[in-house]
Structures are given as structure tokens and as C-alpha cells.
Protein backbone atom coordinates (compact mmCIF):
# COMPACT_ATOMS: atom_id res chain seq x y z
CA UNK A 1 45.42 0.73 -16.96
CA UNK A 2 47.85 -1.88 -18.03
CA UNK A 3 45.84 -4.45 -15.96
CA UNK A 4 42.75 -3.35 -17.93
CA UNK A 5 44.82 -3.62 -21.51
CA UNK A 6 46.20 -7.16 -20.67
CA UNK A 7 42.92 -8.37 -19.51
CA UNK A 8 41.16 -7.00 -22.55
CA UNK A 9 43.90 -8.43 -24.79
CA UNK A 10 43.61 -11.88 -22.99
CA UNK A 11 39.68 -11.82 -23.66
CA UNK A 12 39.97 -10.52 -27.27
CA UNK A 13 42.71 -13.71 -27.89
CA UNK A 14 40.03 -16.14 -26.20
CA UNK A 15 37.06 -15.12 -28.26
CA UNK A 16 39.46 -15.05 -31.39
CA UNK A 17 40.72 -18.76 -30.63
CA UNK A 18 36.99 -19.71 -30.05
CA UNK A 19 35.46 -18.23 -33.43
CA UNK A 20 38.43 -19.94 -35.11
CA UNK A 21 37.49 -23.06 -33.69
CA UNK A 22 33.95 -22.90 -34.34
CA UNK A 23 34.82 -21.83 -38.03
CA UNK A 24 37.08 -24.69 -38.38
CA UNK A 25 34.25 -27.17 -36.95
CA UNK A 26 31.62 -25.92 -39.27
CA UNK A 27 32.76 -26.68 -42.61
CA UNK A 28 32.12 -23.77 -45.17
CA UNK A 29 33.03 -23.37 -49.00
CA UNK A 30 36.33 -21.95 -49.80
CA UNK A 31 37.63 -21.70 -53.34
CA UNK A 32 34.64 -23.28 -54.49
CA UNK A 33 34.85 -26.49 -52.58
CA UNK A 34 31.76 -28.93 -53.26
CA UNK A 35 30.45 -30.53 -49.94
CA UNK A 36 28.37 -33.59 -50.46
CA UNK A 37 27.32 -36.73 -48.27
CA UNK A 38 27.37 -40.22 -48.49
CA UNK A 39 25.03 -42.44 -46.31
CA UNK A 40 27.89 -44.98 -45.78
CA UNK A 41 31.60 -45.51 -46.72
CA UNK A 42 32.34 -46.87 -50.37
CA UNK A 43 33.26 -50.41 -50.12
CA UNK A 44 36.29 -50.62 -52.21
CA UNK A 45 38.82 -48.30 -54.22
CA UNK A 46 38.83 -51.26 -57.24
CA UNK A 47 36.32 -50.28 -59.73
CA UNK A 48 35.76 -53.88 -61.19
CA UNK A 49 34.27 -54.58 -57.52
CA UNK A 50 31.75 -51.64 -57.32
CA UNK A 51 28.25 -52.96 -56.14
CA UNK A 52 26.40 -49.81 -54.75
CA UNK A 53 25.78 -46.21 -55.65
CA UNK A 54 27.95 -44.92 -52.71
CA UNK A 55 31.00 -46.60 -54.23
CA UNK A 56 29.87 -45.50 -57.79
CA UNK A 57 29.89 -41.98 -56.74
CA UNK A 58 33.34 -42.10 -55.56
CA UNK A 59 34.28 -44.19 -58.69
CA UNK A 60 33.00 -41.55 -60.96
CA UNK A 61 34.97 -38.93 -59.67
CA UNK A 62 38.43 -40.78 -59.58
CA UNK A 63 38.09 -42.57 -62.44
CA UNK A 64 37.25 -42.48 -66.14
CA UNK A 65 36.34 -44.83 -68.66
CA UNK A 66 36.19 -44.67 -72.80
CA UNK A 67 33.11 -42.90 -72.49
CA UNK A 68 31.34 -40.90 -70.07
CA UNK A 69 27.40 -40.59 -69.45
CA UNK A 70 25.78 -37.25 -70.38
CA UNK A 71 22.61 -35.86 -69.40
CA UNK A 72 20.66 -37.84 -72.10
CA UNK A 73 21.84 -40.91 -71.08
CA UNK A 74 24.15 -41.30 -74.07
CA UNK A 75 27.89 -42.13 -73.95
CA UNK A 76 30.49 -39.51 -75.32
CA UNK A 77 33.84 -39.97 -75.60
CA UNK A 78 35.96 -39.66 -72.70
CA UNK A 79 39.53 -41.64 -72.58
CA UNK A 80 38.72 -42.48 -76.36
CA UNK A 81 39.07 -39.35 -78.67
CA UNK A 82 37.58 -41.40 -81.58
CA UNK A 83 36.05 -44.93 -82.42
CA UNK A 84 35.48 -46.82 -85.59
CA UNK A 85 32.76 -49.20 -85.73
CA UNK A 86 32.72 -51.68 -88.21
CA UNK A 87 29.88 -52.12 -90.97
CA UNK A 88 28.41 -55.16 -89.06
CA UNK A 89 28.47 -53.09 -85.94
CA UNK A 90 30.48 -56.08 -84.26
CA UNK A 91 34.05 -54.34 -83.85
CA UNK A 92 35.00 -51.25 -82.35
CA UNK A 93 38.36 -49.78 -82.60
CA UNK A 94 39.00 -47.00 -80.02
CA UNK A 95 41.78 -44.74 -80.43
CA UNK A 96 42.65 -43.47 -76.72
CA UNK A 97 43.81 -39.88 -75.81
CA UNK A 98 47.38 -39.18 -74.35
CA UNK A 99 46.61 -39.46 -70.61
CA UNK A 100 48.53 -40.55 -67.60
CA UNK A 101 47.23 -41.98 -64.12
CA UNK A 102 47.98 -39.62 -61.32
CA UNK A 103 51.68 -40.95 -60.34
CA UNK A 104 52.30 -39.78 -63.95
CA UNK A 105 52.43 -43.47 -65.20
CA UNK A 106 51.03 -43.50 -68.95
CA UNK A 107 47.24 -44.65 -69.09
CA UNK A 108 47.15 -47.20 -72.20
CA UNK A 109 45.01 -49.54 -73.99
CA UNK A 110 46.54 -52.19 -71.81
CA UNK A 111 45.10 -51.23 -68.78
CA UNK A 112 41.62 -51.46 -70.40
CA UNK A 113 42.62 -54.98 -71.74
CA UNK A 114 44.05 -56.02 -68.23
CA UNK A 115 41.21 -55.00 -66.37
CA UNK A 116 38.61 -56.44 -68.61
CA UNK A 117 40.22 -59.45 -68.49
CA UNK A 118 40.22 -59.74 -64.86
CA UNK A 119 36.84 -58.72 -64.30
CA UNK A 120 36.01 -62.31 -65.31
CA UNK A 121 38.34 -64.01 -63.10
CA UNK A 122 36.63 -65.84 -60.19
CA UNK A 123 39.74 -64.35 -58.20
CA UNK A 124 38.43 -60.88 -58.86
CA UNK A 125 34.72 -61.50 -57.51
CA UNK A 126 33.03 -58.69 -59.46
CA UNK A 127 29.77 -58.74 -58.75
CA UNK A 128 28.95 -57.45 -62.32
CA UNK A 129 30.71 -59.82 -64.82
CA UNK A 130 27.67 -59.89 -66.94
CA UNK A 131 28.17 -56.16 -68.16
CA UNK A 132 30.95 -57.69 -70.24
CA UNK A 133 29.06 -60.45 -71.75
CA UNK A 134 28.23 -58.40 -75.00
CA UNK A 135 31.96 -58.90 -75.77
CA UNK A 136 33.02 -61.96 -78.00
CA UNK A 137 33.31 -64.88 -75.46
CA UNK A 138 33.07 -63.16 -72.19
CA UNK A 139 30.06 -65.22 -71.06
CA UNK A 140 31.63 -68.29 -71.86
CA UNK A 141 34.87 -67.41 -69.99
CA UNK A 142 32.79 -66.41 -67.12
CA UNK A 143 31.26 -69.81 -67.27
CA UNK A 144 34.62 -71.70 -67.47
CA UNK A 145 33.80 -72.95 -70.91
CA UNK A 146 36.60 -70.73 -72.76
CA UNK A 147 40.14 -69.46 -71.77
CA UNK A 148 40.82 -65.68 -70.89
CA UNK A 149 43.10 -65.46 -73.94
CA UNK A 150 39.91 -65.84 -76.23
CA UNK A 151 38.30 -62.55 -74.84
CA UNK A 152 37.38 -60.35 -77.81
CA UNK A 153 39.54 -57.45 -76.28
CA UNK A 154 43.09 -56.53 -77.46
CA UNK A 155 45.26 -53.75 -77.16
CA UNK A 156 46.72 -53.29 -80.61
CA UNK A 157 49.28 -50.59 -79.19
CA UNK A 158 49.46 -48.45 -76.22
CA UNK A 159 46.69 -46.29 -77.69
CA UNK A 160 44.55 -48.46 -79.70
CA UNK A 161 42.21 -50.79 -78.36
CA UNK A 162 40.30 -53.36 -80.57
CA UNK A 163 36.74 -54.70 -78.82
CA UNK A 164 34.97 -57.74 -80.94
CA UNK A 165 31.41 -58.03 -79.77
CA UNK A 166 29.39 -61.46 -80.22
CA UNK A 167 26.45 -59.33 -81.87
CA UNK A 168 25.72 -55.70 -82.80
CA UNK A 169 25.23 -54.08 -79.37
CA UNK A 170 23.58 -50.81 -79.84
CA UNK A 171 23.84 -49.78 -76.11
CA UNK A 172 27.54 -50.67 -76.21
CA UNK A 173 28.97 -46.97 -75.73
CA UNK A 174 26.36 -46.09 -73.20
CA UNK A 175 27.37 -49.39 -71.47
CA UNK A 176 30.97 -48.85 -70.99
CA UNK A 177 30.19 -45.48 -69.24
CA UNK A 178 29.57 -47.53 -65.92
CA UNK A 179 32.29 -47.37 -63.44
CA UNK A 180 32.85 -51.30 -63.23
CA UNK A 181 34.09 -50.96 -66.96
CA UNK A 182 36.77 -48.29 -65.91
CA UNK A 183 40.36 -49.24 -66.13
CA UNK A 184 42.07 -50.04 -62.91
CA UNK A 185 46.21 -49.40 -63.01
CA UNK A 186 47.73 -52.43 -64.30
CA UNK A 187 51.17 -51.63 -63.34
CA UNK A 188 50.04 -50.78 -59.45
CA UNK A 189 48.28 -54.18 -59.20
CA UNK A 190 51.14 -56.20 -60.58
CA UNK A 191 53.51 -54.19 -58.28
CA UNK A 192 51.19 -54.46 -55.32
CA UNK A 193 48.27 -57.14 -55.48
CA UNK A 194 46.80 -55.46 -52.10
CA UNK A 195 46.73 -51.75 -53.47
CA UNK A 196 42.59 -51.65 -53.12
CA UNK A 197 43.03 -51.94 -49.50
CA UNK A 198 43.95 -48.64 -49.07
CA UNK A 199 43.40 -45.28 -51.02
CA UNK A 200 47.13 -44.59 -50.28
CA UNK A 201 48.44 -47.22 -52.57
CA UNK A 202 45.94 -46.15 -55.10
CA UNK A 203 46.39 -43.70 -58.27
CA UNK A 204 43.38 -42.17 -60.30
CA UNK A 205 42.49 -41.28 -63.99
CA UNK A 206 39.54 -39.33 -63.45
CA UNK A 207 39.13 -35.30 -62.62
CA UNK A 208 39.72 -35.85 -59.01
CA UNK A 209 42.03 -37.60 -56.69
CA UNK A 210 41.78 -38.76 -53.00
CA UNK A 211 43.90 -36.78 -50.89
CA UNK A 212 42.35 -37.88 -47.17
CA UNK A 213 40.04 -40.65 -46.05
CA UNK A 214 39.09 -40.91 -42.49
CA UNK A 215 36.38 -43.98 -42.36
CA UNK A 216 32.94 -43.02 -41.21
CA UNK A 217 33.67 -39.45 -41.08
CA UNK A 218 34.82 -37.79 -44.36
CA UNK A 219 36.64 -38.30 -47.71
CA UNK A 220 38.47 -35.10 -49.42
CA UNK A 221 39.44 -35.17 -52.82
CA UNK A 222 41.03 -32.40 -54.88
CA UNK A 223 41.51 -31.73 -58.84
CA UNK A 224 43.79 -34.11 -60.47
CA UNK A 225 46.64 -32.18 -62.24
CA UNK A 226 47.32 -35.35 -64.30
CA UNK A 227 43.89 -35.57 -65.58
CA UNK A 228 43.95 -35.24 -69.65
CA UNK A 229 41.17 -32.65 -69.43
CA UNK A 230 41.81 -30.92 -66.18
CA UNK A 231 41.58 -27.45 -67.54
CA UNK A 232 37.70 -28.17 -67.80
CA UNK A 233 37.53 -29.19 -64.02
CA UNK A 234 36.36 -26.15 -62.25
CA UNK A 235 35.62 -27.16 -58.83
CA UNK A 236 38.97 -27.61 -57.12
CA UNK A 237 37.89 -29.69 -54.11
CA UNK A 238 34.80 -32.15 -53.18
CA UNK A 239 34.32 -32.92 -49.70
CA UNK A 240 32.12 -36.03 -49.09
CA UNK A 241 30.86 -36.45 -45.33
CA UNK A 242 29.77 -40.02 -44.54
CA UNK A 243 26.51 -39.58 -42.55
CA UNK A 244 24.33 -42.24 -41.80
CA UNK A 245 21.95 -40.21 -39.81
CA UNK A 246 19.10 -39.03 -41.62
CA UNK A 247 18.46 -35.86 -39.70
CA UNK A 248 21.88 -34.86 -39.67
CA UNK A 249 22.06 -34.50 -43.23
CA UNK A 250 19.26 -32.11 -43.70
CA UNK A 251 20.40 -30.13 -40.80
CA UNK A 252 23.74 -29.65 -42.30
CA UNK A 253 22.21 -28.65 -45.50
CA UNK A 254 20.14 -26.28 -43.94
CA UNK A 255 22.79 -24.69 -42.06
CA UNK A 256 24.90 -24.18 -45.05
CA UNK A 257 27.40 -26.80 -44.10
CA UNK A 258 26.40 -29.25 -47.33
CA UNK A 259 25.89 -28.24 -50.98
CA UNK A 260 24.10 -31.29 -52.09
CA UNK A 261 22.05 -34.21 -50.52
CA UNK A 262 19.86 -36.37 -52.28
CA UNK A 263 17.79 -39.48 -51.92
CA UNK A 264 19.92 -42.07 -53.91
CA UNK A 265 23.55 -41.82 -51.71
CA UNK A 266 22.26 -39.62 -48.66
CA UNK A 267 20.06 -40.46 -45.55
CA UNK A 268 17.48 -38.26 -45.51
CA UNK A 269 14.43 -38.41 -43.20
CA UNK A 270 10.83 -38.21 -44.53
CA UNK A 271 9.65 -35.63 -42.03
CA UNK A 272 12.56 -33.47 -42.98
CA UNK A 273 12.19 -34.18 -46.70
CA UNK A 274 8.39 -33.13 -46.48
CA UNK A 275 9.40 -30.01 -44.75
CA UNK A 276 11.75 -28.98 -47.34
CA UNK A 277 9.41 -29.94 -50.18
CA UNK A 278 6.93 -27.64 -48.33
CA UNK A 279 9.54 -24.63 -48.61
CA UNK A 280 10.20 -25.28 -52.17
CA UNK A 281 13.82 -26.35 -51.85
CA UNK A 282 13.57 -30.23 -53.02
CA UNK A 283 13.95 -30.79 -56.64
CA UNK A 284 12.86 -34.06 -58.27
CA UNK A 285 14.17 -36.19 -60.99
CA UNK A 286 12.64 -39.69 -62.41
CA UNK A 287 15.53 -42.38 -62.34
CA UNK A 288 16.04 -45.73 -63.85
CA UNK A 289 15.40 -47.47 -60.20
CA UNK A 290 12.98 -49.25 -58.20
CA UNK A 291 12.57 -50.27 -54.49
CA UNK A 292 11.26 -54.26 -54.77
CA UNK A 293 10.51 -57.03 -53.08
CA UNK A 294 12.89 -60.18 -53.84
CA UNK A 295 11.99 -63.64 -52.94
CA UNK A 296 14.64 -66.15 -52.55
CA UNK A 297 13.59 -68.59 -54.89
CA UNK A 298 16.20 -71.26 -53.84
CA UNK A 299 14.49 -71.74 -50.36
CA UNK A 300 10.98 -73.37 -50.01
CA UNK A 301 8.41 -72.36 -50.25
CA UNK A 302 9.77 -69.22 -52.22
CA UNK A 303 10.88 -71.44 -55.00
CA UNK A 304 6.84 -71.53 -55.72
CA UNK A 305 5.40 -69.11 -58.30
CA UNK A 306 2.04 -68.90 -56.45
CA UNK A 307 3.37 -68.02 -52.93
CA UNK A 308 5.60 -65.28 -55.11
CA UNK A 309 2.57 -63.81 -56.70
CA UNK A 310 0.15 -64.28 -53.64
CA UNK A 311 2.84 -62.07 -51.71
CA UNK A 312 3.01 -59.64 -54.39
CA UNK A 313 -0.40 -59.19 -55.10
CA UNK A 314 -1.10 -58.46 -51.47
CA UNK A 315 0.93 -55.49 -51.03
CA UNK A 316 -1.05 -52.22 -51.96
CA UNK A 317 1.46 -50.08 -53.80
CA UNK A 318 -0.79 -47.09 -54.27
CA UNK A 319 -1.14 -46.99 -50.58
CA UNK A 320 2.80 -46.90 -49.77
CA UNK A 321 3.34 -44.36 -52.36
CA UNK A 322 0.49 -41.96 -51.31
CA UNK A 323 0.88 -42.51 -47.39
CA UNK A 324 4.54 -42.81 -47.04
CA UNK A 325 6.59 -41.48 -50.04
CA UNK A 326 7.29 -37.75 -50.52
CA UNK A 327 8.58 -37.34 -54.11
CA UNK A 328 5.44 -38.20 -56.44
CA UNK A 329 6.86 -41.79 -56.91
CA UNK A 330 4.92 -44.20 -59.45
CA UNK A 331 3.42 -47.37 -58.16
CA UNK A 332 5.18 -50.09 -60.04
CA UNK A 333 2.99 -52.52 -62.30
CA UNK A 334 5.64 -53.67 -64.43
CA UNK A 335 9.40 -54.81 -64.06
CA UNK A 336 11.22 -51.74 -66.03
CA UNK A 337 10.99 -48.22 -64.65
CA UNK A 338 9.79 -45.84 -67.47
CA UNK A 339 12.87 -44.04 -67.70
CA UNK A 340 14.73 -47.22 -69.02
CA UNK A 341 11.85 -48.14 -71.28
CA UNK A 342 11.03 -45.15 -73.63
CA UNK A 343 8.88 -43.78 -70.82
CA UNK A 344 6.27 -46.41 -71.49
CA UNK A 345 4.40 -47.20 -68.49
CA UNK A 346 3.13 -51.07 -68.75
CA UNK A 347 0.41 -52.82 -66.43
CA UNK A 348 2.08 -56.71 -66.18
CA UNK A 349 0.54 -57.14 -62.75
CA UNK A 350 -2.07 -55.17 -60.71
CA UNK A 351 -0.61 -52.62 -58.21
CA UNK A 352 -3.30 -54.31 -55.68
CA UNK A 353 -5.05 -57.48 -55.88
CA UNK A 354 -6.41 -58.96 -52.74
CA UNK A 355 -8.78 -61.50 -53.80
CA UNK A 356 -6.42 -62.81 -56.30
CA UNK A 357 -3.67 -62.93 -53.81
CA UNK A 358 -5.46 -65.48 -51.63
CA UNK A 359 -6.67 -67.47 -54.72
CA UNK A 360 -2.63 -67.47 -55.52
CA UNK A 361 -1.80 -68.41 -51.71
CA UNK A 362 -4.24 -71.46 -51.66
CA UNK A 363 -2.81 -72.89 -54.80
CA UNK A 364 0.59 -72.11 -53.55
CA UNK A 365 0.06 -73.89 -50.01
CA UNK A 366 -1.52 -76.89 -51.99
CA UNK A 367 1.58 -77.22 -54.09
CA UNK A 368 4.17 -76.92 -51.20
CA UNK A 369 2.47 -78.66 -48.55
CA UNK A 370 2.78 -75.48 -46.45
CA UNK A 371 0.35 -74.33 -43.96
CA UNK A 372 -0.02 -70.57 -43.19
CA UNK A 373 1.83 -71.42 -40.01
CA UNK A 374 4.69 -72.79 -41.64
CA UNK A 375 4.81 -70.05 -44.47
CA UNK A 376 4.72 -67.38 -41.51
CA UNK A 377 7.90 -69.01 -39.85
CA UNK A 378 9.56 -68.88 -42.95
CA UNK A 379 8.48 -65.35 -43.93
CA UNK A 380 11.29 -63.07 -42.55
CA UNK A 381 11.75 -59.80 -44.57
CA UNK A 382 14.77 -58.10 -44.32
CA UNK A 383 15.11 -54.47 -45.08
CA UNK A 384 17.50 -51.56 -44.73
CA UNK A 385 16.90 -50.23 -41.22
CA UNK A 386 16.30 -46.40 -42.13
CA UNK A 387 13.06 -44.52 -41.51
CA UNK A 388 11.75 -44.68 -44.91
CA UNK A 389 12.24 -48.57 -45.65
CA UNK A 390 11.20 -49.29 -42.11
CA UNK A 391 7.76 -47.71 -42.81
CA UNK A 392 7.55 -49.51 -45.94
CA UNK A 393 8.58 -53.01 -44.19
CA UNK A 394 5.93 -52.66 -41.54
CA UNK A 395 3.18 -51.61 -43.97
CA UNK A 396 3.93 -54.77 -46.11
CA UNK A 397 3.98 -56.71 -42.70
CA UNK A 398 0.43 -55.26 -42.08
CA UNK A 399 -0.95 -55.77 -45.51
CA UNK A 400 0.48 -59.70 -45.54
CA UNK A 401 -1.51 -59.89 -42.19
CA UNK A 402 -4.56 -58.43 -43.29
CA UNK A 403 -4.99 -59.71 -46.77
CA UNK A 404 -3.33 -63.09 -46.24
CA UNK A 405 -3.56 -64.02 -42.54
CA UNK A 406 0.20 -64.41 -42.16
CA UNK A 407 2.60 -63.28 -39.37
CA UNK A 408 5.78 -62.35 -40.94
CA UNK A 409 8.71 -61.21 -38.98
CA UNK A 410 11.06 -57.91 -39.86
CA UNK A 411 14.74 -57.83 -39.90
CA UNK A 412 16.57 -54.65 -39.97
CA UNK A 413 20.03 -55.08 -41.07
CA UNK A 414 22.78 -52.18 -41.66
CA UNK A 415 23.24 -51.15 -45.57
CA UNK A 416 26.59 -53.29 -45.80
CA UNK A 417 25.03 -56.46 -44.22
CA UNK A 418 21.95 -56.19 -46.33
CA UNK A 419 23.96 -56.39 -49.58
CA UNK A 420 26.38 -58.98 -48.66
CA UNK A 421 23.17 -61.37 -47.50
CA UNK A 422 21.08 -60.32 -50.29
CA UNK A 423 23.67 -61.31 -52.82
CA UNK A 424 24.85 -64.45 -51.17
CA UNK A 425 21.13 -65.34 -51.11
CA UNK A 426 21.45 -65.64 -47.26
CA UNK A 427 17.59 -64.47 -46.44
CA UNK A 428 14.21 -65.43 -47.45
CA UNK A 429 12.09 -62.37 -48.41
CA UNK A 430 13.76 -58.80 -48.94
CA UNK A 431 13.34 -55.22 -49.72
CA UNK A 432 16.08 -53.84 -52.15
CA UNK A 433 16.44 -51.46 -54.77
CA UNK A 434 18.22 -51.69 -58.21
CA UNK A 435 19.82 -48.86 -60.13
CA UNK A 436 20.51 -48.57 -64.05
CA UNK A 437 24.14 -48.87 -64.69
CA UNK A 438 23.39 -47.90 -68.39
CA UNK A 439 20.60 -46.49 -70.38
CA UNK A 440 18.85 -49.57 -71.93
CA UNK A 441 16.12 -51.91 -70.36
CA UNK A 442 18.43 -54.75 -70.96
CA UNK A 443 20.47 -53.57 -67.92
CA UNK A 444 17.64 -54.40 -65.70
CA UNK A 445 16.59 -57.77 -67.47
CA UNK A 446 19.91 -59.14 -67.75
CA UNK A 447 20.72 -59.37 -64.00
CA UNK A 448 18.03 -62.30 -63.81
CA UNK A 449 19.34 -64.10 -66.65
CA UNK A 450 21.33 -67.01 -64.53
CA UNK A 451 20.99 -67.91 -60.96
CA UNK A 452 24.13 -67.88 -59.95
CA UNK A 453 24.61 -64.04 -60.89
CA UNK A 454 25.62 -61.98 -57.88
CA UNK A 455 23.05 -59.28 -59.32
CA UNK A 456 20.34 -61.86 -59.28
CA UNK A 457 19.20 -61.84 -55.80
CA UNK A 458 16.38 -64.11 -55.99
CA UNK A 459 18.36 -66.83 -58.02
CA UNK A 460 15.89 -66.84 -60.68
CA UNK A 461 16.58 -68.80 -63.97
CA UNK A 462 14.12 -69.68 -66.86
CA UNK A 463 14.75 -71.13 -70.11
CA UNK A 464 12.20 -69.25 -71.99
CA UNK A 465 13.52 -66.11 -70.58
CA UNK A 466 17.23 -66.73 -71.35
CA UNK A 467 16.31 -67.69 -74.69
CA UNK A 468 14.47 -64.15 -75.31
CA UNK A 469 17.41 -62.33 -73.96
CA UNK A 470 19.48 -64.29 -76.38
CA UNK A 471 17.33 -63.48 -79.32
CA UNK A 472 17.34 -59.50 -78.25
CA UNK A 473 20.86 -60.08 -78.60
CA UNK A 474 20.85 -61.05 -81.96
CA UNK A 475 18.39 -58.46 -83.22
CA UNK A 476 19.47 -55.35 -84.95
CA UNK A 477 16.17 -53.79 -85.57
CA UNK A 478 15.33 -51.50 -82.86
CA UNK A 479 11.64 -51.76 -82.66
CA UNK A 480 11.80 -55.70 -82.91
CA UNK A 481 14.48 -55.57 -80.35
CA UNK A 482 12.52 -53.82 -77.76
CA UNK A 483 9.43 -56.05 -78.53
CA UNK A 484 11.53 -59.17 -77.63
CA UNK A 485 12.72 -57.52 -74.39
CA UNK A 486 9.23 -56.75 -73.50
CA UNK A 487 8.17 -60.23 -74.06
CA UNK A 488 11.12 -61.31 -71.68
CA UNK A 489 9.59 -58.62 -69.19
CA UNK A 490 6.40 -60.11 -69.34
CA UNK A 491 7.93 -63.69 -68.30
CA UNK A 492 9.50 -61.86 -65.06
CA UNK A 493 6.39 -60.23 -64.31
CA UNK A 494 4.43 -63.65 -64.43
CA UNK A 495 6.84 -65.79 -62.28
CA UNK A 496 7.27 -63.03 -59.90
CA UNK A 497 10.94 -63.43 -58.47
CA UNK A 498 10.71 -59.85 -57.70
CA UNK A 499 8.17 -57.61 -57.16
CA UNK A 500 8.50 -54.03 -57.94
CA UNK A 501 6.97 -51.88 -55.22
CA UNK A 502 7.57 -48.35 -56.71
CA UNK A 503 9.87 -46.52 -59.24
CA UNK A 504 12.21 -44.33 -57.40
CA UNK A 505 12.46 -40.53 -57.98
CA UNK A 506 15.36 -38.96 -56.87
CA UNK A 507 15.04 -35.96 -54.53
CA UNK A 508 17.80 -33.64 -53.87
CA UNK A 509 18.60 -30.38 -52.39
CA UNK A 510 21.23 -28.40 -54.14
CA UNK A 511 23.24 -25.06 -53.55
CA UNK A 512 22.56 -23.18 -56.80
CA UNK A 513 23.69 -19.81 -55.14
CA UNK A 514 27.30 -20.97 -55.33
CA UNK A 515 27.33 -23.70 -58.02
CA UNK A 516 26.45 -23.29 -61.75
CA UNK A 517 26.32 -25.84 -64.44
CA UNK A 518 24.26 -28.44 -62.51
CA UNK A 519 23.39 -31.48 -64.50
CA UNK A 520 22.23 -34.89 -64.07
CA UNK A 521 22.02 -38.19 -65.89
CA UNK A 522 18.76 -40.15 -66.44
CA UNK A 523 20.21 -42.90 -63.98
CA UNK A 524 20.72 -40.06 -61.16
CA UNK A 525 24.25 -39.36 -61.66
CA UNK A 526 25.06 -35.95 -60.47
CA UNK A 527 27.71 -34.74 -63.46
CA UNK A 528 29.88 -32.81 -60.80
CA UNK A 529 32.89 -32.59 -63.46
CA UNK A 530 30.98 -30.22 -65.37
CA UNK A 531 29.98 -28.02 -62.82
CA UNK A 532 31.47 -24.94 -61.72
CA UNK A 533 31.54 -22.35 -58.53
CA UNK A 534 29.52 -19.40 -59.44
CA UNK A 535 31.55 -16.17 -59.94
């Protein structure tokens, strides 16, 4: 009997250990922990250097700005408790709340002044210095034509930030909701210039702080007790799993191991997305984003407008949308996503025009002296090597062959390599995506103003386009301003340095059983700070 009891006890203990081990390996929500996934590691802790939606997702959780985006796309007050706007709408005086970094050091107007100044420094290598261009002298400073001391940003005292603009900027409060304009900790960078190389050296101003980061595996965040509005943060922990495999993310959601996956920041398989959609699990939001074909205008023969137009018009966008995609996306016939353009749908170029494409190709070959064989050799299409974009790239390859008689080469790249090569203009033709950073059409159009801009992937520049964008900045009347921007969009559509293929919809699966107060911005941000566990 004693032997039986000993054996029973041993078996019981082994089974208990086994079940405990399984429970630890299978992430479960405990105390309201929110489990999300990202398709790749964020690339930097430094908000000034953010250049992708994966990094943005992290920065929106760990940092905060003067304003924060809301479900309407507007900027609501955050670290700023109030703002005074001058009669000419060119001076904004922000009054900051009492706030501190997660190490207890005061967060002041000097942090903003320092962050925005250093963003314009070549040493910073920010991919988005243009976001600061509405500020007085910012553009001249970025061009090396003015000193940093002339920037129209001044900390009047610890709690007061004065910002002078070049022109009235109706979207300014929305602009500064984007994480690239959040402050970085001046006291940390001055003490340790290499602080951004490890999250262990970072301090945080937002609702969450990083407690663990295992590259390629998981980032663990917990509520930041030093956050000025910590009482209103109801989700105590967020675990971000780093999952590049499309099938794994869906399986983990279906097995209750993730609470949120989406098509913007997660890798999702088209087949699994279709299956989940059939089950009624997928929700869809239109967002200010597009998949587009970018042409490197700094390389022959893609410097030629007619070559670019031929390649664009030979793409059958409705076929891609209906045969490959799953979220009722709209084929693009303009540059601006309707979400960022007052929901206006414009037709500035055909969604598919094979005969016109062939005519454009003849003109382009004659002007460049290229043969079809020469163009085929130059026509290397780089793309992000996931299942969805692979199918899009293969379809475009077939259509260019069928309509234009070309033999393009496909080159699949991982996300990080694709981003770097496109921004360095180390490519010929590529598939890429743009996402609105703030809620105004100017945000997309301004990226193609100057050829040197890191976000100007095609390296495009046009004097009339520049003049129209400058004119829009000096125009206060809203309807007149939008009309000027539409004329600028027409130039971009005619010159075709990029060829938008379709406007993105955000498809997502979210655990509404355990979480409440779920909301998104028009730019696809899940507003996690405002969510709460269901009781």
C-alpha cells in the first residue's frame, strides 16, 4: 500500500509539473494582460528615428506628445494641458502638465525644444525631418541655410513651450500627435549618447514602460506608474510577441494565445484571413494607407515619365483587388487615400489601360534609347517577401509580360532590408506602403517635395509641384487650400513617380470578450491607452 501511494504521488507530481509547464508555454491573459503581435522587432527606441508601423506601435505605448490622436483623427491635449493660439494662427504656446519620466526626472518644455532641434541635425539621421517644416526656419535648417538657434521653438520655462510657425497650419495639433514628434529624454541623452541602443538605458513618458525585450521573441510592457494620467490606464500589462510567420499569428489567436492581430503590424496569411473572414471573426476599417509601386527616378530608364506611366497603366488593379485581396480594398486611381482626402474618390489615372500603356512604352523607349531587352534587364521589382505581396508581385510580373512584352525579375527581401534599400534608393522598381502619420492630405504629398528626403523613395522633384505645396502652406481658407493640394496631386499622378495600386483597409481580429472600450484612429492605431479589461 505504501508503494502504491508513493507511485501515485510521484505520478501526480509529474502530471502537475507537466500541466504547469504547458500553462507557462501557452500565454494566457492574467489580470487583464493584453497580448498583441508584431511581424518584426521595432528598429529603435528613439522616437525621432521611427520609420515603420512596428516601431510606431511601440512608441505610441511608451512615449507621449503634446497631443494624442483620437478616433476622429484630431489631436487632443496630452502632455499639454492647454494651448494658446495667436490671432494670426502662427504662434502656439503650450502649457505643459506636471509630468515626469519613468525615472522620476521632470519632463519639461526643454525636452521638446531639445528633441525637435536635434531631429533636424544630420547626426540624428531622422527619416522624417519634414514633419517639422511648418515650424519657422525648420526647412532652412534642414537644408543647411540657417542655424539651429533660429528654429521657432523655445522653452520659455519648464512648463511653457512656444512654437512659431512659418504659416498658419490648420493640421498642426494633429501633426504633433505622431510619435516622431514626441520628446526624448534630454537628461539621458546628454549623460549617455548611446542610450537608444538598449531599452535598459531608456526612460519613458507614456502609459507603459518596457520591462523585458527578447529580440525576435517578445517585448513585455507594464503600466508606467510615473505616467501623468496613470489612473486612467486600465490594462496593467501588454505583451508584444514578435512573429514573422503569417500562419503562426492566426493560430495563436485562434488558440486564445493572442488578443489582437491585424494586417498593418502583424503577418497574416491570406488563406487564414479568408477563413477567419468566413467565420465572421475579421473586422475591417479603412485607413490612410496604400500599397504602391515606386520607381527610382534617379536611375535610367525610370527617370523617364513615359516608361513609368507605361508600367503603371499595364497593371490591372481591379484584378489584384478581386483575385488576391480579402478586405474589400479599393483599386487606386489617385494618389491620396480617401480617408485622408475627405473621403473623396478621384480618377486621375485609369485602374488599367493596356493600349495606352503600350503607347507610353513606345514613346519612353524612343526617348531613352532603351530596347525592350534593355528595359527587361533593368526591371527588377523588389518586394516584401510575405505571401500577400509575393502574389501581388507575381501578378504584376505576369501583367508586364502580357501587356508590354517585358521580362521583369522579382526580388523578395525581408522587411528591414526592403525599408533600408528603398530609403537609400538602392533599387530599380519596388513595392512599398505608405501610412498617414497625421490626419491631413499634405502628409502624403509632402513626402515627394524634395528628392533628398528619406521618405521620397522615388527621388522625385518637380518645380511646379514644390510651388503648389508652398502655396498651400500660405492659404488659410480651407476649400482653397484643398483645391491647391488637389492640383499638386494631379502633377504627381501625371508624372507617376509612384503608382498606387490599392488603398489599404485594416483587417483585424480582437478579443472583445475580455476587453472593452476598443477604438482605432483613422490611421489604423489601436488606442490601447483607453482600453480596459471587461469585468
